[in-house]
């Protein structure tokens, strides 16, 4: 699942992941992630700065819940200097925007394999 309030990034990443054979869902709204029940993604690409929501807060909530704590979360942000706070919030990985597609695919493969 991709969660980013920039529809351009969501569309581009969704196309790439779909091409790579992944089933992809997306949202531009942080509330959608917090409202998830039963149907959880295998991995979450989560933007740190989403309108109305801080991705770090969403990450903390997901990592505290029994049902969602095992979902690998890769946080993405245009701000490189908040990488540490992403890990402190419980993120499994971090990717700074703009990112190379190969870096993104490598991180996704690593975390899906670890699961």
PDB file of N, CA and C in Angstrom:
ATOM      1  N   UNK A   1       0.839  -1.175   0.000  1.00  0.00           N
ATOM      2  CA  UNK A   1       0.000   0.000   0.000  1.00  0.00           C
ATOM      3  C   UNK A   1       0.886   1.241   0.000  1.00  0.00           C
ATOM      4  N   UNK A   2       0.479   2.225  -0.771  1.00  0.00           N
ATOM      5  CA  UNK A   2       1.176   3.512  -0.833  1.00  0.00           C
ATOM      6  C   UNK A   2       0.279   4.553  -0.185  1.00  0.00           C
ATOM      7  N   UNK A   3       0.823   5.333   0.733  1.00  0.00           N
ATOM      8  CA  UNK A   3       0.081   6.415   1.375  1.00  0.00           C
ATOM      9  C   UNK A   3       0.904   7.695   1.244  1.00  0.00           C
ATOM     10  N   UNK A   4       0.452   8.567   0.351  1.00  0.00           N
ATOM     11  CA  UNK A   4       1.160   9.826   0.102  1.00  0.00           C
ATOM     12  C   UNK A   4       0.123  10.828  -0.377  1.00  0.00           C
ATOM     13  N   UNK A   5       0.202  12.073   0.079  1.00  0.00           N
ATOM     14  CA  UNK A   5      -0.791  13.057  -0.332  1.00  0.00           C
ATOM     15  C   UNK A   5      -0.457  13.718  -1.671  1.00  0.00           C
ATOM     16  N   UNK A   6       0.597  13.265  -2.326  1.00  0.00           N
ATOM     17  CA  UNK A   6       0.956  13.756  -3.656  1.00  0.00           C
ATOM     18  C   UNK A   6       0.481  12.726  -4.687  1.00  0.00           C
ATOM     19  N   UNK A   7      -0.641  13.002  -5.364  1.00  0.00           N
ATOM     20  CA  UNK A   7      -1.184  12.031  -6.322  1.00  0.00           C
ATOM     21  C   UNK A   7      -0.192  11.657  -7.425  1.00  0.00           C
ATOM     22  N   UNK A   8       0.696  12.552  -7.785  1.00  0.00           N
ATOM     23  CA  UNK A   8       1.699  12.260  -8.806  1.00  0.00           C
ATOM     24  C   UNK A   8       2.650  11.162  -8.361  1.00  0.00           C
ATOM     25  N   UNK A   9       3.087  11.231  -7.123  1.00  0.00           N
ATOM     26  CA  UNK A   9       3.979  10.198  -6.584  1.00  0.00           C
ATOM     27  C   UNK A   9       3.228   8.879  -6.454  1.00  0.00           C
ATOM     28  N   UNK A  10       1.999   8.949  -5.944  1.00  0.00           N
ATOM     29  CA  UNK A  10       1.193   7.740  -5.793  1.00  0.00           C
ATOM     30  C   UNK A  10       1.034   7.052  -7.154  1.00  0.00           C
ATOM     31  N   UNK A  11       0.650   7.829  -8.177  1.00  0.00           N
ATOM     32  CA  UNK A  11       0.443   7.255  -9.508  1.00  0.00           C
ATOM     33  C   UNK A  11       1.722   6.642 -10.064  1.00  0.00           C
ATOM     34  N   UNK A  12       2.828   7.366  -9.964  1.00  0.00           N
ATOM     35  CA  UNK A  12       4.094   6.881 -10.519  1.00  0.00           C
ATOM     36  C   UNK A  12       4.559   5.603  -9.825  1.00  0.00           C
ATOM     37  N   UNK A  13       4.531   5.594  -8.508  1.00  0.00           N
ATOM     38  CA  UNK A  13       4.982   4.422  -7.761  1.00  0.00           C
ATOM     39  C   UNK A  13       4.032   3.254  -8.003  1.00  0.00           C
ATOM     40  N   UNK A  14       2.751   3.540  -8.058  1.00  0.00           N
ATOM     41  CA  UNK A  14       1.767   2.483  -8.308  1.00  0.00           C
ATOM     42  C   UNK A  14       2.007   1.825  -9.671  1.00  0.00           C
ATOM     43  N   UNK A  15       2.278   2.609 -10.681  1.00  0.00           N
ATOM     44  CA  UNK A  15       2.544   2.069 -12.029  1.00  0.00           C
ATOM     45  C   UNK A  15       3.792   1.190 -12.013  1.00  0.00           C
ATOM     46  N   UNK A  16       4.839   1.671 -11.373  1.00  0.00           N
ATOM     47  CA  UNK A  16       6.096   0.915 -11.322  1.00  0.00           C
ATOM     48  C   UNK A  16       5.911  -0.403 -10.584  1.00  0.00           C
ATOM     49  N   UNK A  17       5.259  -0.353  -9.421  1.00  0.00           N
ATOM     50  CA  UNK A  17       5.071  -1.572  -8.633  1.00  0.00           C
ATOM     51  C   UNK A  17       4.138  -2.552  -9.333  1.00  0.00           C
ATOM     52  N   UNK A  18       3.131  -2.026  -9.994  1.00  0.00           N
ATOM     53  CA  UNK A  18       2.227  -2.876 -10.762  1.00  0.00           C
ATOM     54  C   UNK A  18       3.000  -3.584 -11.884  1.00  0.00           C
ATOM     55  N   UNK A  19       3.858  -2.837 -12.547  1.00  0.00           N
ATOM     56  CA  UNK A  19       4.693  -3.396 -13.614  1.00  0.00           C
ATOM     57  C   UNK A  19       5.613  -4.497 -13.075  1.00  0.00           C
ATOM     58  N   UNK A  20       6.061  -4.334 -11.826  1.00  0.00           N
ATOM     59  CA  UNK A  20       6.945  -5.314 -11.196  1.00  0.00           C
ATOM     60  C   UNK A  20       6.185  -6.533 -10.663  1.00  0.00           C
ATOM     61  N   UNK A  21       4.855  -6.512 -10.794  1.00  0.00           N
ATOM     62  CA  UNK A  21       4.059  -7.668 -10.398  1.00  0.00           C
ATOM     63  C   UNK A  21       3.427  -7.594  -9.019  1.00  0.00           C
ATOM     64  N   UNK A  22       3.522  -6.445  -8.374  1.00  0.00           N
ATOM     65  CA  UNK A  22       2.921  -6.292  -7.048  1.00  0.00           C
ATOM     66  C   UNK A  22       1.461  -5.875  -7.189  1.00  0.00           C
ATOM     67  N   UNK A  23       0.625  -6.347  -6.263  1.00  0.00           N
ATOM     68  CA  UNK A  23      -0.742  -5.843  -6.157  1.00  0.00           C
ATOM     69  C   UNK A  23      -0.657  -4.601  -5.294  1.00  0.00           C
ATOM     70  N   UNK A  24      -1.120  -3.480  -5.818  1.00  0.00           N
ATOM     71  CA  UNK A  24      -0.921  -2.204  -5.134  1.00  0.00           C
ATOM     72  C   UNK A  24      -2.256  -1.534  -4.840  1.00  0.00           C
ATOM     73  N   UNK A  25      -2.380  -1.042  -3.618  1.00  0.00           N
ATOM     74  CA  UNK A  25      -3.487  -0.163  -3.282  1.00  0.00           C
ATOM     75  C   UNK A  25      -2.860   1.151  -2.826  1.00  0.00           C
ATOM     76  N   UNK A  26      -3.644   2.205  -2.849  1.00  0.00           N
ATOM     77  CA  UNK A  26      -3.076   3.500  -2.468  1.00  0.00           C
ATOM     78  C   UNK A  26      -4.137   4.380  -1.831  1.00  0.00           C
ATOM     79  N   UNK A  27      -3.638   5.374  -1.126  1.00  0.00           N
ATOM     80  CA  UNK A  27      -4.501   6.379  -0.524  1.00  0.00           C
ATOM     81  C   UNK A  27      -3.736   7.692  -0.418  1.00  0.00           C
ATOM     82  N   UNK A  28      -4.456   8.779  -0.476  1.00  0.00           N
ATOM     83  CA  UNK A  28      -3.846  10.090  -0.244  1.00  0.00           C
ATOM     84  C   UNK A  28      -4.296  10.634   1.114  1.00  0.00           C
ATOM     85  N   UNK A  29      -4.958   9.781   1.906  1.00  0.00           N
ATOM     86  CA  UNK A  29      -5.548  10.200   3.161  1.00  0.00           C
ATOM     87  C   UNK A  29      -5.063   9.305   4.307  1.00  0.00           C
ATOM     88  N   UNK A  30      -4.433   9.899   5.297  1.00  0.00           N
ATOM     89  CA  UNK A  30      -3.924   9.144   6.431  1.00  0.00           C
ATOM     90  C   UNK A  30      -5.011   8.448   7.231  1.00  0.00           C
ATOM     91  N   UNK A  31      -6.222   9.004   7.247  1.00  0.00           N
ATOM     92  CA  UNK A  31      -7.319   8.394   7.997  1.00  0.00           C
ATOM     93  C   UNK A  31      -7.663   7.012   7.443  1.00  0.00           C
ATOM     94  N   UNK A  32      -7.478   6.818   6.151  1.00  0.00           N
ATOM     95  CA  UNK A  32      -7.759   5.529   5.516  1.00  0.00           C
ATOM     96  C   UNK A  32      -6.894   4.434   6.143  1.00  0.00           C
ATOM     97  N   UNK A  33      -5.643   4.755   6.414  1.00  0.00           N
ATOM     98  CA  UNK A  33      -4.725   3.771   6.987  1.00  0.00           C
ATOM     99  C   UNK A  33      -5.156   3.422   8.408  1.00  0.00           C
ATOM    100  N   UNK A  34      -5.501   4.428   9.176  1.00  0.00           N
ATOM    101  CA  UNK A  34      -5.883   4.194  10.568  1.00  0.00           C
ATOM    102  C   UNK A  34      -7.215   3.451  10.671  1.00  0.00           C
ATOM    103  N   UNK A  35      -8.037   3.520   9.629  1.00  0.00           N
ATOM    104  CA  UNK A  35      -9.347   2.856   9.646  1.00  0.00           C
ATOM    105  C   UNK A  35      -9.283   1.414   9.123  1.00  0.00           C
ATOM    106  N   UNK A  36      -8.108   0.958   8.698  1.00  0.00           N
ATOM    107  CA  UNK A  36      -7.981  -0.398   8.156  1.00  0.00           C
ATOM    108  C   UNK A  36      -8.404  -1.432   9.191  1.00  0.00           C
ATOM    109  N   UNK A  37      -9.146  -2.435   8.728  1.00  0.00           N
ATOM    110  CA  UNK A  37      -9.522  -3.555   9.588  1.00  0.00           C
ATOM    111  C   UNK A  37      -9.517  -4.826   8.759  1.00  0.00           C
ATOM    112  N   UNK A  38      -8.869  -5.836   9.255  1.00  0.00           N
ATOM    113  CA  UNK A  38      -8.837  -7.168   8.657  1.00  0.00           C
ATOM    114  C   UNK A  38      -8.033  -7.289   7.361  1.00  0.00           C
ATOM    115  N   UNK A  39      -8.200  -6.407   6.410  1.00  0.00           N
ATOM    116  CA  UNK A  39      -7.484  -6.466   5.132  1.00  0.00           C
ATOM    117  C   UNK A  39      -6.244  -5.575   5.208  1.00  0.00           C
ATOM    118  N   UNK A  40      -5.145  -6.155   5.668  1.00  0.00           N
ATOM    119  CA  UNK A  40      -3.938  -5.360   5.853  1.00  0.00           C
ATOM    120  C   UNK A  40      -2.966  -5.581   4.699  1.00  0.00           C
ATOM    121  N   UNK A  41      -2.217  -4.548   4.347  1.00  0.00           N
ATOM    122  CA  UNK A  41      -1.213  -4.716   3.288  1.00  0.00           C
ATOM    123  C   UNK A  41      -0.010  -5.511   3.797  1.00  0.00           C
ATOM    124  N   UNK A  42       0.743  -6.087   2.859  1.00  0.00           N
ATOM    125  CA  UNK A  42       1.971  -6.803   3.216  1.00  0.00           C
ATOM    126  C   UNK A  42       3.081  -5.836   3.569  1.00  0.00           C
ATOM    127  N   UNK A  43       2.966  -4.592   3.079  1.00  0.00           N
ATOM    128  CA  UNK A  43       3.988  -3.567   3.291  1.00  0.00           C
ATOM    129  C   UNK A  43       3.329  -2.217   3.076  1.00  0.00           C
ATOM    130  N   UNK A  44       3.804  -1.209   3.779  1.00  0.00           N
ATOM    131  CA  UNK A  44       3.245   0.138   3.657  1.00  0.00           C
ATOM    132  C   UNK A  44       4.353   1.134   3.328  1.00  0.00           C
ATOM    133  N   UNK A  45       4.186   1.853   2.221  1.00  0.00           N
ATOM    134  CA  UNK A  45       5.042   2.995   1.894  1.00  0.00           C
ATOM    135  C   UNK A  45       4.304   4.214   2.421  1.00  0.00           C
ATOM    136  N   UNK A  46       4.857   4.870   3.413  1.00  0.00           N
ATOM    137  CA  UNK A  46       4.143   5.922   4.131  1.00  0.00           C
ATOM    138  C   UNK A  46       4.906   7.240   4.095  1.00  0.00           C
ATOM    139  N   UNK A  47       4.262   8.248   3.524  1.00  0.00           N
ATOM    140  CA  UNK A  47       4.857   9.586   3.490  1.00  0.00           C
ATOM    141  C   UNK A  47       4.816  10.182   4.896  1.00  0.00           C
ATOM    142  N   UNK A  48       5.865  10.878   5.273  1.00  0.00           N
ATOM    143  CA  UNK A  48       5.889  11.498   6.596  1.00  0.00           C
ATOM    144  C   UNK A  48       4.957  12.707   6.663  1.00  0.00           C
ATOM    145  N   UNK A  49       4.993  13.542   5.637  1.00  0.00           N
ATOM    146  CA  UNK A  49       4.167  14.756   5.660  1.00  0.00           C
ATOM    147  C   UNK A  49       2.930  14.551   4.793  1.00  0.00           C
ATOM    148  N   UNK A  50       1.838  14.157   5.413  1.00  0.00           N
ATOM    149  CA  UNK A  50       0.566  14.026   4.705  1.00  0.00           C
ATOM    150  C   UNK A  50      -0.381  15.090   5.237  1.00  0.00           C
ATOM    151  N   UNK A  51      -1.183  15.669   4.355  1.00  0.00           N
ATOM    152  CA  UNK A  51      -2.081  16.729   4.799  1.00  0.00           C
ATOM    153  C   UNK A  51      -3.017  16.210   5.897  1.00  0.00           C
ATOM    154  N   UNK A  52      -2.972  16.890   7.022  1.00  0.00           N
ATOM    155  CA  UNK A  52      -3.811  16.530   8.151  1.00  0.00           C
ATOM    156  C   UNK A  52      -3.227  15.464   9.066  1.00  0.00           C
ATOM    157  N   UNK A  53      -2.189  14.770   8.615  1.00  0.00           N
ATOM    158  CA  UNK A  53      -1.610  13.690   9.400  1.00  0.00           C
ATOM    159  C   UNK A  53      -0.099  13.719   9.304  1.00  0.00           C
ATOM    160  N   UNK A  54       0.533  13.342  10.384  1.00  0.00           N
ATOM    161  CA  UNK A  54       1.979  13.140  10.383  1.00  0.00           C
ATOM    162  C   UNK A  54       2.179  11.638  10.277  1.00  0.00           C
ATOM    163  N   UNK A  55       2.870  11.194   9.232  1.00  0.00           N
ATOM    164  CA  UNK A  55       3.087   9.774   9.017  1.00  0.00           C
ATOM    165  C   UNK A  55       3.751   9.090  10.196  1.00  0.00           C
ATOM    166  N   UNK A  56       4.550   9.838  10.950  1.00  0.00           N
ATOM    167  CA  UNK A  56       5.192   9.248  12.127  1.00  0.00           C
ATOM    168  C   UNK A  56       4.158   8.867  13.177  1.00  0.00           C
ATOM    169  N   UNK A  57       3.109   9.679  13.315  1.00  0.00           N
ATOM    170  CA  UNK A  57       2.035   9.355  14.262  1.00  0.00           C
ATOM    171  C   UNK A  57       1.280   8.106  13.800  1.00  0.00           C
ATOM    172  N   UNK A  58       1.021   8.026  12.508  1.00  0.00           N
ATOM    173  CA  UNK A  58       0.346   6.851  11.938  1.00  0.00           C
ATOM    174  C   UNK A  58       1.203   5.612  12.184  1.00  0.00           C
ATOM    175  N   UNK A  59       2.495   5.738  11.953  1.00  0.00           N
ATOM    176  CA  UNK A  59       3.421   4.628  12.160  1.00  0.00           C
ATOM    177  C   UNK A  59       3.380   4.163  13.614  1.00  0.00           C
ATOM    178  N   UNK A  60       3.430   5.093  14.545  1.00  0.00           N
ATOM    179  CA  UNK A  60       3.393   4.739  15.973  1.00  0.00           C
ATOM    180  C   UNK A  60       2.133   3.952  16.308  1.00  0.00           C
ATOM    181  N   UNK A  61       0.986   4.421  15.810  1.00  0.00           N
ATOM    182  CA  UNK A  61      -0.289   3.756  16.083  1.00  0.00           C
ATOM    183  C   UNK A  61      -0.271   2.332  15.518  1.00  0.00           C
ATOM    184  N   UNK A  62       0.188   2.179  14.275  1.00  0.00           N
ATOM    185  CA  UNK A  62       0.211   0.856  13.652  1.00  0.00           C
ATOM    186  C   UNK A  62       1.155  -0.100  14.384  1.00  0.00           C
ATOM    187  N   UNK A  63       2.285   0.408  14.829  1.00  0.00           N
ATOM    188  CA  UNK A  63       3.260  -0.449  15.513  1.00  0.00           C
ATOM    189  C   UNK A  63       2.815  -0.819  16.937  1.00  0.00           C
ATOM    190  N   UNK A  64       1.841  -0.101  17.478  1.00  0.00           N
ATOM    191  CA  UNK A  64       1.337  -0.426  18.812  1.00  0.00           C
ATOM    192  C   UNK A  64       0.192  -1.433  18.774  1.00  0.00           C
ATOM    193  N   UNK A  65      -0.472  -1.556  17.626  1.00  0.00           N
ATOM    194  CA  UNK A  65      -1.611  -2.472  17.515  1.00  0.00           C
ATOM    195  C   UNK A  65      -1.127  -3.887  17.212  1.00  0.00           C
ATOM    196  N   UNK A  66      -1.723  -4.844  17.869  1.00  0.00           N
ATOM    197  CA  UNK A  66      -1.367  -6.253  17.677  1.00  0.00           C
ATOM    198  C   UNK A  66      -1.523  -6.679  16.212  1.00  0.00           C
ATOM    199  N   UNK A  67      -2.611  -6.276  15.576  1.00  0.00           N
ATOM    200  CA  UNK A  67      -2.915  -6.706  14.202  1.00  0.00           C
ATOM    201  C   UNK A  67      -1.992  -6.107  13.150  1.00  0.00           C
ATOM    202  N   UNK A  68      -1.410  -4.951  13.441  1.00  0.00           N
ATOM    203  CA  UNK A  68      -0.652  -4.242  12.404  1.00  0.00           C
ATOM    204  C   UNK A  68       0.833  -4.072  12.719  1.00  0.00           C
ATOM    205  N   UNK A  69       1.270  -4.456  13.891  1.00  0.00           N
ATOM    206  CA  UNK A  69       2.667  -4.186  14.269  1.00  0.00           C
ATOM    207  C   UNK A  69       3.682  -4.898  13.377  1.00  0.00           C
ATOM    208  N   UNK A  70       3.285  -6.005  12.751  1.00  0.00           N
ATOM    209  CA  UNK A  70       4.213  -6.753  11.913  1.00  0.00           C
ATOM    210  C   UNK A  70       4.309  -6.266  10.475  1.00  0.00           C
ATOM    211  N   UNK A  71       3.503  -5.275  10.106  1.00  0.00           N
ATOM    212  CA  UNK A  71       3.553  -4.748   8.741  1.00  0.00           C
ATOM    213  C   UNK A  71       4.825  -3.911   8.583  1.00  0.00           C
ATOM    214  N   UNK A  72       5.686  -4.268   7.620  1.00  0.00           N
ATOM    215  CA  UNK A  72       6.864  -3.430   7.399  1.00  0.00           C
ATOM    216  C   UNK A  72       6.428  -2.044   6.882  1.00  0.00           C
ATOM    217  N   UNK A  73       6.986  -1.007   7.473  1.00  0.00           N
ATOM    218  CA  UNK A  73       6.663   0.362   7.064  1.00  0.00           C
ATOM    219  C   UNK A  73       7.933   1.037   6.578  1.00  0.00           C
ATOM    220  N   UNK A  74       7.899   1.450   5.316  1.00  0.00           N
ATOM    221  CA  UNK A  74       8.987   2.242   4.741  1.00  0.00           C
ATOM    222  C   UNK A  74       8.481   3.674   4.670  1.00  0.00           C
ATOM    223  N   UNK A  75       9.079   4.538   5.450  1.00  0.00           N
ATOM    224  CA  UNK A  75       8.662   5.939   5.444  1.00  0.00           C
ATOM    225  C   UNK A  75       9.433   6.682   4.363  1.00  0.00           C
ATOM    226  N   UNK A  76       8.731   7.577   3.680  1.00  0.00           N
ATOM    227  CA  UNK A  76       9.346   8.375   2.622  1.00  0.00           C
ATOM    228  C   UNK A  76       9.113   9.852   2.911  1.00  0.00           C
ATOM    229  N   UNK A  77      10.104  10.659   2.579  1.00  0.00           N
ATOM    230  CA  UNK A  77       9.989  12.093   2.828  1.00  0.00           C
ATOM    231  C   UNK A  77      10.968  12.874   1.966  1.00  0.00           C
ATOM    232  N   UNK A  78      10.560  14.078   1.622  1.00  0.00           N
ATOM    233  CA  UNK A  78      11.447  14.975   0.885  1.00  0.00           C
ATOM    234  C   UNK A  78      12.469  15.609   1.823  1.00  0.00           C
ATOM    235  N   UNK A  79      12.255  15.467   3.119  1.00  0.00           N
ATOM    236  CA  UNK A  79      13.153  16.051   4.104  1.00  0.00           C
ATOM    237  C   UNK A  79      14.087  14.981   4.659  1.00  0.00           C
ATOM    238  N   UNK A  80      15.338  15.021   4.240  1.00  0.00           N
ATOM    239  CA  UNK A  80      16.312  14.008   4.655  1.00  0.00           C
ATOM    240  C   UNK A  80      16.667  14.096   6.137  1.00  0.00           C
ATOM    241  N   UNK A  81      16.521  15.275   6.723  1.00  0.00           N
ATOM    242  CA  UNK A  81      16.968  15.454   8.106  1.00  0.00           C
ATOM    243  C   UNK A  81      15.978  14.916   9.136  1.00  0.00           C
ATOM    244  N   UNK A  82      14.879  14.298   8.704  1.00  0.00           N
ATOM    245  CA  UNK A  82      13.958  13.718   9.679  1.00  0.00           C
ATOM    246  C   UNK A  82      13.985  12.188   9.637  1.00  0.00           C
ATOM    247  N   UNK A  83      14.992  11.641   8.986  1.00  0.00           N
ATOM    248  CA  UNK A  83      15.129  10.184   8.909  1.00  0.00           C
ATOM    249  C   UNK A  83      15.151   9.564  10.308  1.00  0.00           C
ATOM    250  N   UNK A  84      15.897  10.169  11.198  1.00  0.00           N
ATOM    251  CA  UNK A  84      16.014   9.625  12.560  1.00  0.00           C
ATOM    252  C   UNK A  84      14.650   9.552  13.242  1.00  0.00           C
ATOM    253  N   UNK A  85      13.838  10.593  13.069  1.00  0.00           N
ATOM    254  CA  UNK A  85      12.520  10.596  13.714  1.00  0.00           C
ATOM    255  C   UNK A  85      11.600   9.535  13.118  1.00  0.00           C
ATOM    256  N   UNK A  86      11.821   9.173  11.851  1.00  0.00           N
ATOM    257  CA  UNK A  86      11.041   8.095  11.235  1.00  0.00           C
ATOM    258  C   UNK A  86      11.343   6.774  11.932  1.00  0.00           C
ATOM    259  N   UNK A  87      12.625   6.507  12.154  1.00  0.00           N
ATOM    260  CA  UNK A  87      13.012   5.273  12.852  1.00  0.00           C
ATOM    261  C   UNK A  87      12.531   5.282  14.303  1.00  0.00           C
ATOM    262  N   UNK A  88      12.587   6.453  14.940  1.00  0.00           N
ATOM    263  CA  UNK A  88      12.115   6.563  16.323  1.00  0.00           C
ATOM    264  C   UNK A  88      10.613   6.286  16.426  1.00  0.00           C
ATOM    265  N   UNK A  89       9.882   6.566  15.345  1.00  0.00           N
ATOM    266  CA  UNK A  89       8.436   6.321  15.321  1.00  0.00           C
ATOM    267  C   UNK A  89       8.117   4.851  15.063  1.00  0.00           C
ATOM    268  N   UNK A  90       9.153   4.071  14.727  1.00  0.00           N
ATOM    269  CA  UNK A  90       8.945   2.641  14.514  1.00  0.00           C
ATOM    270  C   UNK A  90       9.081   2.181  13.079  1.00  0.00           C
ATOM    271  N   UNK A  91       9.450   3.096  12.173  1.00  0.00           N
ATOM    272  CA  UNK A  91       9.598   2.714  10.765  1.00  0.00           C
ATOM    273  C   UNK A  91      10.660   1.627  10.614  1.00  0.00           C
ATOM    274  N   UNK A  92      10.422   0.741   9.672  1.00  0.00           N
ATOM    275  CA  UNK A  92      11.379  -0.330   9.396  1.00  0.00           C
ATOM    276  C   UNK A  92      12.469   0.132   8.436  1.00  0.00           C
ATOM    277  N   UNK A  93      12.158   1.181   7.662  1.00  0.00           N
ATOM    278  CA  UNK A  93      13.128   1.705   6.708  1.00  0.00           C
ATOM    279  C   UNK A  93      12.738   3.123   6.345  1.00  0.00           C
ATOM    280  N   UNK A  94      13.641   3.815   5.636  1.00  0.00           N
ATOM    281  CA  UNK A  94      13.421   5.208   5.247  1.00  0.00           C
ATOM    282  C   UNK A  94      13.961   5.417   3.841  1.00  0.00           C
ATOM    283  N   UNK A  95      13.252   6.229   3.080  1.00  0.00           N
ATOM    284  CA  UNK A  95      13.674   6.560   1.725  1.00  0.00           C
ATOM    285  C   UNK A  95      13.428   8.048   1.496  1.00  0.00           C
ATOM    286  N   UNK A  96      14.483   8.780   1.135  1.00  0.00           N
ATOM    287  CA  UNK A  96      14.357  10.218   0.907  1.00  0.00           C
ATOM    288  C   UNK A  96      13.914  10.474  -0.531  1.00  0.00           C
ATOM    289  N   UNK A  97      12.978  11.420  -0.687  1.00  0.00           N
ATOM    290  CA  UNK A  97      12.547  11.859  -2.025  1.00  0.00           C
ATOM    291  C   UNK A  97      13.513  12.918  -2.512  1.00  0.00           C
ATOM    292  N   UNK A  98      13.809  12.999  -3.760  1.00  0.00           N
ATOM    293  CA  UNK A  98      13.451  12.024  -4.790  1.00  0.00           C
ATOM    294  C   UNK A  98      14.311  10.777  -4.623  1.00  0.00           C
ATOM    295  N   UNK A  99      13.730   9.633  -4.921  1.00  0.00           N
ATOM    296  CA  UNK A  99      14.465   8.381  -4.754  1.00  0.00           C
ATOM    297  C   UNK A  99      14.604   7.665  -6.085  1.00  0.00           C
ATOM    298  N   UNK A 100      15.599   6.806  -6.130  1.00  0.00           N
ATOM    299  CA  UNK A 100      15.815   5.973  -7.305  1.00  0.00           C
ATOM    300  C   UNK A 100      14.865   4.778  -7.220  1.00  0.00           C
ATOM    301  N   UNK A 101      14.280   4.421  -8.334  1.00  0.00           N
ATOM    302  CA  UNK A 101      13.344   3.301  -8.378  1.00  0.00           C
ATOM    303  C   UNK A 101      14.012   2.013  -7.892  1.00  0.00           C
ATOM    304  N   UNK A 102      15.260   1.798  -8.272  1.00  0.00           N
ATOM    305  CA  UNK A 102      15.961   0.588  -7.844  1.00  0.00           C
ATOM    306  C   UNK A 102      16.115   0.536  -6.328  1.00  0.00           C
ATOM    307  N   UNK A 103      16.332   1.696  -5.689  1.00  0.00           N
ATOM    308  CA  UNK A 103      16.426   1.744  -4.223  1.00  0.00           C
ATOM    309  C   UNK A 103      15.086   1.351  -3.597  1.00  0.00           C
ATOM    310  N   UNK A 104      14.004   1.896  -4.155  1.00  0.00           N
ATOM    311  CA  UNK A 104      12.670   1.579  -3.655  1.00  0.00           C
ATOM    312  C   UNK A 104      12.388   0.085  -3.799  1.00  0.00           C
ATOM    313  N   UNK A 105      12.632  -0.458  -4.980  1.00  0.00           N
ATOM    314  CA  UNK A 105      12.364  -1.875  -5.230  1.00  0.00           C
ATOM    315  C   UNK A 105      13.217  -2.772  -4.333  1.00  0.00           C
ATOM    316  N   UNK A 106      14.466  -2.376  -4.122  1.00  0.00           N
ATOM    317  CA  UNK A 106      15.356  -3.152  -3.253  1.00  0.00           C
ATOM    318  C   UNK A 106      14.845  -3.202  -1.819  1.00  0.00           C
ATOM    319  N   UNK A 107      14.383  -2.060  -1.310  1.00  0.00           N
ATOM    320  CA  UNK A 107      13.859  -2.018   0.059  1.00  0.00           C
ATOM    321  C   UNK A 107      12.572  -2.837   0.180  1.00  0.00           C
ATOM    322  N   UNK A 108      11.713  -2.741  -0.820  1.00  0.00           N
ATOM    323  CA  UNK A 108      10.463  -3.506  -0.792  1.00  0.00           C
ATOM    324  C   UNK A 108      10.773  -4.999  -0.791  1.00  0.00           C
ATOM    325  N   UNK A 109      11.632  -5.434  -1.684  1.00  0.00           N
ATOM    326  CA  UNK A 109      11.981  -6.864  -1.762  1.00  0.00           C
ATOM    327  C   UNK A 109      12.588  -7.341  -0.439  1.00  0.00           C
ATOM    328  N   UNK A 110      13.468  -6.544   0.131  1.00  0.00           N
ATOM    329  CA  UNK A 110      14.105  -6.915   1.403  1.00  0.00           C
ATOM    330  C   UNK A 110      13.077  -7.123   2.499  1.00  0.00           C
ATOM    331  N   UNK A 111      12.154  -6.197   2.640  1.00  0.00           N
ATOM    332  CA  UNK A 111      11.189  -6.275   3.744  1.00  0.00           C
ATOM    333  C   UNK A 111      10.117  -7.327   3.507  1.00  0.00           C
ATOM    334  N   UNK A 112       9.765  -7.581   2.278  1.00  0.00           N
ATOM    335  CA  UNK A 112       8.795  -8.644   2.005  1.00  0.00           C
ATOM    336  C   UNK A 112       9.425 -10.012   2.229  1.00  0.00           C
ATOM    337  N   UNK A 113      10.726 -10.115   1.929  1.00  0.00           N
ATOM    338  CA  UNK A 113      11.439 -11.371   2.143  1.00  0.00           C
ATOM    339  C   UNK A 113      11.599 -11.646   3.641  1.00  0.00           C
ATOM    340  N   UNK A 114      11.807 -10.588   4.424  1.00  0.00           N
ATOM    341  CA  UNK A 114      11.991 -10.727   5.864  1.00  0.00           C
ATOM    342  C   UNK A 114      10.715 -11.182   6.558  1.00  0.00           C
ATOM    343  N   UNK A 115       9.577 -10.908   5.935  1.00  0.00           N
ATOM    344  CA  UNK A 115       8.294 -11.254   6.553  1.00  0.00           C
ATOM    345  C   UNK A 115       7.963 -12.718   6.443  1.00  0.00           C
TER     346      UNK A 115
END
